[in-house]
Amino acid sequence: MKDSNVWVNGGYFVLRKEVFRYLKPEEEFVYEPMQRMIAEGRVWSRRYGGFWQCMDTFKDKQILDELETSGNAPWCVLEE
């Protein structure tokens, strides 16, 4: 997957307080409000080419634990 042209939305948002103008009761943020902001050119994204791994499940945690245990954890940049 690393060499593919596929990108993942990590689901990390930085919002200004003006975002509340776009929210309406009973709407999901990533659907209607986000579509309105996109239509107005109010959404910006940035590609990050560094290491990323979600940790949403126990299996994800095991993957990260194995990387750390093996000494191959990309997020560990300081030596003890």
N, C-alpha and C. Protein backbone atom coordinates (compact mmCIF):
# COMPACT_ATOMS: atom_id res chain seq x y z
N MET A 1 0.83 -1.20 0.00
CA MET A 1 0.00 0.00 0.00
C MET A 1 0.87 1.26 0.00
N LYS A 2 2.06 1.16 0.59
CA LYS A 2 2.94 2.32 0.69
C LYS A 2 3.28 2.90 -0.67
N ASP A 3 3.44 2.05 -1.67
CA ASP A 3 3.82 2.51 -3.00
C ASP A 3 2.63 2.82 -3.89
N SER A 4 1.43 2.72 -3.35
CA SER A 4 0.24 3.02 -4.15
C SER A 4 -0.06 4.51 -4.10
N ASN A 5 -1.00 4.94 -4.89
CA ASN A 5 -1.41 6.34 -4.92
C ASN A 5 -2.68 6.53 -4.10
N VAL A 6 -2.82 5.76 -3.03
CA VAL A 6 -4.01 5.81 -2.18
C VAL A 6 -3.67 6.60 -0.92
N TRP A 7 -4.54 7.54 -0.57
CA TRP A 7 -4.37 8.33 0.64
C TRP A 7 -5.51 8.04 1.59
N VAL A 8 -5.26 8.14 2.89
CA VAL A 8 -6.26 7.86 3.91
C VAL A 8 -6.57 9.15 4.64
N ASN A 9 -7.85 9.39 4.89
CA ASN A 9 -8.25 10.51 5.72
C ASN A 9 -8.12 10.07 7.17
N GLY A 10 -7.16 10.66 7.85
CA GLY A 10 -6.93 10.29 9.25
C GLY A 10 -8.00 10.79 10.19
N GLY A 11 -8.93 11.59 9.68
CA GLY A 11 -10.03 12.05 10.52
C GLY A 11 -9.63 13.10 11.55
N TYR A 12 -8.57 13.81 11.30
CA TYR A 12 -8.10 14.83 12.22
C TYR A 12 -8.51 16.19 11.68
N PHE A 13 -9.28 16.94 12.44
CA PHE A 13 -9.78 18.23 11.98
C PHE A 13 -9.29 19.35 12.90
N VAL A 14 -8.94 20.46 12.32
CA VAL A 14 -8.67 21.69 13.07
C VAL A 14 -9.75 22.66 12.61
N LEU A 15 -10.54 23.13 13.55
CA LEU A 15 -11.72 23.93 13.20
C LEU A 15 -11.68 25.31 13.84
N ARG A 16 -12.27 26.26 13.16
CA ARG A 16 -12.48 27.58 13.73
C ARG A 16 -13.90 27.61 14.29
N LYS A 17 -14.15 28.55 15.18
CA LYS A 17 -15.48 28.62 15.80
C LYS A 17 -16.59 28.89 14.79
N GLU A 18 -16.24 29.41 13.62
CA GLU A 18 -17.23 29.68 12.58
C GLU A 18 -17.88 28.39 12.06
N VAL A 19 -17.26 27.25 12.37
CA VAL A 19 -17.82 25.98 11.91
C VAL A 19 -19.25 25.79 12.42
N PHE A 20 -19.57 26.38 13.55
CA PHE A 20 -20.90 26.21 14.13
C PHE A 20 -22.01 26.81 13.27
N ARG A 21 -21.67 27.72 12.38
CA ARG A 21 -22.67 28.29 11.46
C ARG A 21 -23.18 27.22 10.49
N TYR A 22 -22.38 26.21 10.25
CA TYR A 22 -22.71 25.18 9.27
C TYR A 22 -23.44 23.98 9.88
N LEU A 23 -23.47 23.91 11.19
CA LEU A 23 -24.08 22.76 11.86
C LEU A 23 -25.56 22.97 12.09
N LYS A 24 -26.33 21.97 11.75
CA LYS A 24 -27.77 21.99 11.99
C LYS A 24 -28.15 20.73 12.77
N PRO A 25 -29.21 20.81 13.57
CA PRO A 25 -29.61 19.64 14.35
C PRO A 25 -29.85 18.42 13.45
N GLU A 26 -29.50 17.28 13.97
CA GLU A 26 -29.74 15.98 13.32
C GLU A 26 -28.87 15.72 12.09
N GLU A 27 -27.87 16.55 11.82
CA GLU A 27 -26.98 16.31 10.68
C GLU A 27 -25.66 15.73 11.17
N GLU A 28 -25.09 14.87 10.35
CA GLU A 28 -23.76 14.33 10.62
C GLU A 28 -22.73 15.34 10.09
N PHE A 29 -21.73 15.66 10.87
CA PHE A 29 -20.75 16.68 10.49
C PHE A 29 -20.09 16.39 9.15
N VAL A 30 -19.70 15.15 8.92
CA VAL A 30 -18.94 14.84 7.69
C VAL A 30 -19.82 14.76 6.45
N TYR A 31 -21.10 14.90 6.60
CA TYR A 31 -21.97 14.87 5.42
C TYR A 31 -22.45 16.27 5.06
N GLU A 32 -23.60 16.66 5.52
CA GLU A 32 -24.18 17.94 5.10
C GLU A 32 -23.33 19.17 5.44
N PRO A 33 -22.94 19.37 6.70
CA PRO A 33 -22.14 20.56 7.01
C PRO A 33 -20.83 20.61 6.22
N MET A 34 -20.15 19.49 6.13
CA MET A 34 -18.88 19.45 5.41
C MET A 34 -19.10 19.76 3.92
N GLN A 35 -20.17 19.25 3.34
CA GLN A 35 -20.46 19.52 1.94
C GLN A 35 -20.72 21.01 1.70
N ARG A 36 -21.40 21.66 2.65
CA ARG A 36 -21.63 23.10 2.52
C ARG A 36 -20.32 23.87 2.59
N MET A 37 -19.44 23.46 3.49
CA MET A 37 -18.15 24.14 3.61
C MET A 37 -17.28 23.90 2.37
N ILE A 38 -17.32 22.69 1.83
CA ILE A 38 -16.57 22.40 0.61
C ILE A 38 -17.09 23.26 -0.53
N ALA A 39 -18.40 23.38 -0.66
CA ALA A 39 -19.01 24.17 -1.73
C ALA A 39 -18.56 25.64 -1.65
N GLU A 40 -18.31 26.13 -0.45
CA GLU A 40 -17.88 27.51 -0.27
C GLU A 40 -16.35 27.65 -0.27
N GLY A 41 -15.65 26.56 -0.51
CA GLY A 41 -14.19 26.62 -0.53
C GLY A 41 -13.59 26.82 0.85
N ARG A 42 -14.26 26.35 1.89
CA ARG A 42 -13.81 26.57 3.27
C ARG A 42 -13.04 25.39 3.85
N VAL A 43 -12.83 24.34 3.05
CA VAL A 43 -12.14 23.14 3.54
C VAL A 43 -10.78 23.04 2.86
N TRP A 44 -9.78 22.78 3.66
CA TRP A 44 -8.42 22.65 3.16
C TRP A 44 -7.83 21.39 3.76
N SER A 45 -7.01 20.71 3.00
CA SER A 45 -6.37 19.51 3.54
C SER A 45 -4.88 19.55 3.23
N ARG A 46 -4.16 18.73 3.94
CA ARG A 46 -2.72 18.66 3.75
C ARG A 46 -2.32 17.19 3.72
N ARG A 47 -1.51 16.84 2.74
CA ARG A 47 -1.00 15.48 2.67
C ARG A 47 0.19 15.34 3.61
N TYR A 48 0.20 14.23 4.30
CA TYR A 48 1.30 13.93 5.21
C TYR A 48 1.93 12.63 4.75
N GLY A 49 3.19 12.66 4.40
CA GLY A 49 3.85 11.48 3.86
C GLY A 49 4.60 10.67 4.90
N GLY A 50 4.49 11.05 6.15
CA GLY A 50 5.18 10.32 7.21
C GLY A 50 4.40 9.11 7.68
N PHE A 51 4.86 8.53 8.76
CA PHE A 51 4.22 7.34 9.32
C PHE A 51 2.85 7.67 9.89
N TRP A 52 1.90 6.81 9.63
CA TRP A 52 0.56 6.93 10.22
C TRP A 52 -0.02 5.54 10.34
N GLN A 53 -0.60 5.26 11.47
CA GLN A 53 -1.30 4.00 11.70
C GLN A 53 -2.42 4.29 12.67
N CYS A 54 -3.63 3.92 12.30
CA CYS A 54 -4.74 4.16 13.23
C CYS A 54 -4.61 3.23 14.43
N MET A 55 -5.31 3.58 15.50
CA MET A 55 -5.38 2.71 16.67
C MET A 55 -6.82 2.71 17.15
N ASP A 56 -7.68 2.18 16.30
CA ASP A 56 -9.10 2.13 16.61
C ASP A 56 -9.51 0.79 17.22
N THR A 57 -8.72 -0.24 16.98
CA THR A 57 -9.10 -1.58 17.44
C THR A 57 -7.95 -2.20 18.22
N PHE A 58 -8.25 -3.30 18.88
CA PHE A 58 -7.21 -4.03 19.61
C PHE A 58 -6.13 -4.52 18.65
N LYS A 59 -6.53 -4.96 17.47
CA LYS A 59 -5.56 -5.42 16.47
C LYS A 59 -4.61 -4.28 16.08
N ASP A 60 -5.15 -3.06 15.90
CA ASP A 60 -4.30 -1.90 15.60
C ASP A 60 -3.27 -1.68 16.70
N LYS A 61 -3.72 -1.80 17.95
CA LYS A 61 -2.82 -1.63 19.08
C LYS A 61 -1.73 -2.70 19.06
N GLN A 62 -2.08 -3.93 18.73
CA GLN A 62 -1.09 -4.99 18.65
C GLN A 62 -0.03 -4.68 17.60
N ILE A 63 -0.45 -4.16 16.46
CA ILE A 63 0.49 -3.80 15.39
C ILE A 63 1.48 -2.75 15.90
N LEU A 64 0.96 -1.72 16.58
CA LEU A 64 1.82 -0.67 17.10
C LEU A 64 2.73 -1.18 18.21
N ASP A 65 2.20 -2.04 19.07
CA ASP A 65 3.02 -2.64 20.13
C ASP A 65 4.15 -3.48 19.55
N GLU A 66 3.86 -4.23 18.49
CA GLU A 66 4.88 -5.06 17.85
C GLU A 66 5.98 -4.19 17.22
N LEU A 67 5.59 -3.09 16.61
CA LEU A 67 6.60 -2.18 16.05
C LEU A 67 7.51 -1.63 17.15
N GLU A 68 6.91 -1.26 18.27
CA GLU A 68 7.71 -0.71 19.36
C GLU A 68 8.63 -1.77 19.96
N THR A 69 8.09 -2.95 20.19
CA THR A 69 8.88 -4.04 20.77
C THR A 69 10.05 -4.43 19.88
N SER A 70 9.83 -4.40 18.56
CA SER A 70 10.88 -4.80 17.62
C SER A 70 11.95 -3.72 17.44
N GLY A 71 11.70 -2.54 17.99
CA GLY A 71 12.65 -1.44 17.82
C GLY A 71 12.48 -0.70 16.50
N ASN A 72 11.38 -0.98 15.79
CA ASN A 72 11.12 -0.36 14.49
C ASN A 72 9.96 0.63 14.53
N ALA A 73 9.78 1.28 15.66
CA ALA A 73 8.68 2.23 15.80
C ALA A 73 9.08 3.58 15.21
N PRO A 74 8.50 3.97 14.08
CA PRO A 74 8.89 5.22 13.42
C PRO A 74 8.67 6.47 14.26
N TRP A 75 7.80 6.40 15.25
CA TRP A 75 7.53 7.57 16.07
C TRP A 75 8.55 7.73 17.19
N CYS A 76 9.35 6.72 17.44
CA CYS A 76 10.39 6.80 18.48
C CYS A 76 11.67 7.35 17.87
N VAL A 77 11.90 8.61 18.06
CA VAL A 77 13.06 9.26 17.43
C VAL A 77 14.17 9.57 18.43
N LEU A 78 13.89 9.45 19.72
CA LEU A 78 14.89 9.72 20.74
C LEU A 78 15.47 8.42 21.27
N GLU A 79 16.76 8.40 21.47
CA GLU A 79 17.40 7.23 22.05
C GLU A 79 17.50 7.43 23.56
N GLU A 80 17.35 6.34 24.29
CA GLU A 80 17.44 6.44 25.75
C GLU A 80 18.87 6.34 26.21
